[in-house]
Amino acid sequence: MGVLYNDMGNDKKALEYYKKSCESYKMQNVSENDLLLANLYHNMGSLYYENEYNKTALKYFRKAFKICNNNST
């Protein structure tokens, strides 16, 4: 849902759904190295970057990178 809202230009709603997805992953005990979680972090980073919240964007890009790096071995 977050991606759809992002595509429609509704950044506030997109971020709301991205955060709900993060909470859902945590409740389901999804591994911190799950690539779907990396994709979610990347999407959140992109959204923050587009809105010029560069420090927050970098935080999420780093989380995504760490997961991808852990899965590359």
C-alpha atoms as a PDB file:
ATOM      1  CA  MET A   1       0.000   0.000   0.000  1.00  0.00           C
ATOM      2  CA  GLY A   2       2.860   2.350   0.785  1.00  0.00           C
ATOM      3  CA  VAL A   3       4.240   2.025  -2.729  1.00  0.00           C
ATOM      4  CA  LEU A   4       0.837   2.798  -4.242  1.00  0.00           C
ATOM      5  CA  TYR A   5       0.402   5.917  -2.139  1.00  0.00           C
ATOM      6  CA  ASN A   6       3.951   6.945  -2.975  1.00  0.00           C
ATOM      7  CA  ASP A   7       3.242   6.520  -6.700  1.00  0.00           C
ATOM      8  CA  MET A   8       0.131   8.691  -6.312  1.00  0.00           C
ATOM      9  CA  GLY A   9       2.198  11.406  -4.618  1.00  0.00           C
ATOM     10  CA  ASN A  10       0.635  10.979  -1.190  1.00  0.00           C
ATOM     11  CA  ASP A  11       3.871  10.841   0.794  1.00  0.00           C
ATOM     12  CA  LYS A  12       2.233  11.176   4.199  1.00  0.00           C
ATOM     13  CA  LYS A  13      -0.012   8.172   3.628  1.00  0.00           C
ATOM     14  CA  ALA A  14       2.850   6.204   2.039  1.00  0.00           C
ATOM     15  CA  LEU A  15       5.026   6.737   5.098  1.00  0.00           C
ATOM     16  CA  GLU A  16       2.153   5.726   7.358  1.00  0.00           C
ATOM     17  CA  TYR A  17       1.836   2.393   5.540  1.00  0.00           C
ATOM     18  CA  TYR A  18       5.602   1.849   5.437  1.00  0.00           C
ATOM     19  CA  LYS A  19       5.700   2.277   9.218  1.00  0.00           C
ATOM     20  CA  LYS A  20       2.763  -0.110   9.639  1.00  0.00           C
ATOM     21  CA  SER A  21       4.634  -2.651   7.525  1.00  0.00           C
ATOM     22  CA  CYS A  22       7.701  -2.320   9.763  1.00  0.00           C
ATOM     23  CA  GLU A  23       5.551  -2.929  12.830  1.00  0.00           C
ATOM     24  CA  SER A  24       3.939  -5.930  11.163  1.00  0.00           C
ATOM     25  CA  TYR A  25       7.335  -7.451  10.340  1.00  0.00           C
ATOM     26  CA  LYS A  26       8.435  -7.036  13.953  1.00  0.00           C
ATOM     27  CA  MET A  27       5.235  -8.618  15.276  1.00  0.00           C
ATOM     28  CA  GLN A  28       5.730 -11.602  12.976  1.00  0.00           C
ATOM     29  CA  ASN A  29       9.323 -12.053  14.164  1.00  0.00           C
ATOM     30  CA  VAL A  30      10.661 -11.681  10.635  1.00  0.00           C
ATOM     31  CA  SER A  31      14.449 -11.977  10.503  1.00  0.00           C
ATOM     32  CA  GLU A  32      16.326  -8.683  10.606  1.00  0.00           C
ATOM     33  CA  ASN A  33      18.133  -9.936   7.483  1.00  0.00           C
ATOM     34  CA  ASP A  34      14.987 -10.506   5.413  1.00  0.00           C
ATOM     35  CA  LEU A  35      15.309  -8.980   1.948  1.00  0.00           C
ATOM     36  CA  LEU A  36      11.685  -7.811   2.018  1.00  0.00           C
ATOM     37  CA  LEU A  37      12.602  -5.720   5.033  1.00  0.00           C
ATOM     38  CA  ALA A  38      15.559  -4.311   3.085  1.00  0.00           C
ATOM     39  CA  ASN A  39      13.175  -3.340   0.290  1.00  0.00           C
ATOM     40  CA  LEU A  40      10.895  -1.629   2.789  1.00  0.00           C
ATOM     41  CA  TYR A  41      13.816   0.311   4.291  1.00  0.00           C
ATOM     42  CA  HIS A  42      14.945   1.320   0.802  1.00  0.00           C
ATOM     43  CA  ASN A  43      11.455   2.590  -0.038  1.00  0.00           C
ATOM     44  CA  MET A  44      11.350   4.575   3.194  1.00  0.00           C
ATOM     45  CA  GLY A  45      14.800   5.997   2.503  1.00  0.00           C
ATOM     46  CA  SER A  46      13.739   7.049  -0.972  1.00  0.00           C
ATOM     47  CA  LEU A  47      10.638   8.760   0.355  1.00  0.00           C
ATOM     48  CA  TYR A  48      12.605  10.671   2.971  1.00  0.00           C
ATOM     49  CA  TYR A  49      15.235  11.606   0.372  1.00  0.00           C
ATOM     50  CA  GLU A  50      12.581  12.922  -2.038  1.00  0.00           C
ATOM     51  CA  ASN A  51      11.315  15.143   0.773  1.00  0.00           C
ATOM     52  CA  GLU A  52      14.836  16.351   1.622  1.00  0.00           C
ATOM     53  CA  TYR A  53      15.092  14.590   4.984  1.00  0.00           C
ATOM     54  CA  ASN A  54      18.575  13.464   4.056  1.00  0.00           C
ATOM     55  CA  LYS A  55      19.777  12.291   7.477  1.00  0.00           C
ATOM     56  CA  THR A  56      16.704  10.135   7.963  1.00  0.00           C
ATOM     57  CA  ALA A  57      16.974   8.857   4.399  1.00  0.00           C
ATOM     58  CA  LEU A  58      20.586   7.872   4.985  1.00  0.00           C
ATOM     59  CA  LYS A  59      19.585   5.983   8.135  1.00  0.00           C
ATOM     60  CA  TYR A  60      17.131   3.824   6.176  1.00  0.00           C
ATOM     61  CA  PHE A  61      19.461   3.366   3.201  1.00  0.00           C
ATOM     62  CA  ARG A  62      22.142   2.105   5.595  1.00  0.00           C
ATOM     63  CA  LYS A  63      19.706  -0.373   7.139  1.00  0.00           C
ATOM     64  CA  ALA A  64      18.786  -1.659   3.684  1.00  0.00           C
ATOM     65  CA  PHE A  65      22.443  -1.887   2.650  1.00  0.00           C
ATOM     66  CA  LYS A  66      23.353  -3.822   5.790  1.00  0.00           C
ATOM     67  CA  ILE A  67      20.649  -6.412   5.132  1.00  0.00           C
ATOM     68  CA  CYS A  68      21.642  -6.777   1.481  1.00  0.00           C
ATOM     69  CA  ASN A  69      25.295  -7.069   2.446  1.00  0.00           C
ATOM     70  CA  ASN A  70      24.464  -9.796   4.996  1.00  0.00           C
ATOM     71  CA  ASN A  71      22.599 -11.738   2.312  1.00  0.00           C
ATOM     72  CA  SER A  72      25.349 -11.518  -0.299  1.00  0.00           C
ATOM     73  CA  THR A  73      27.607 -14.155   1.252  1.00  0.00           C
END
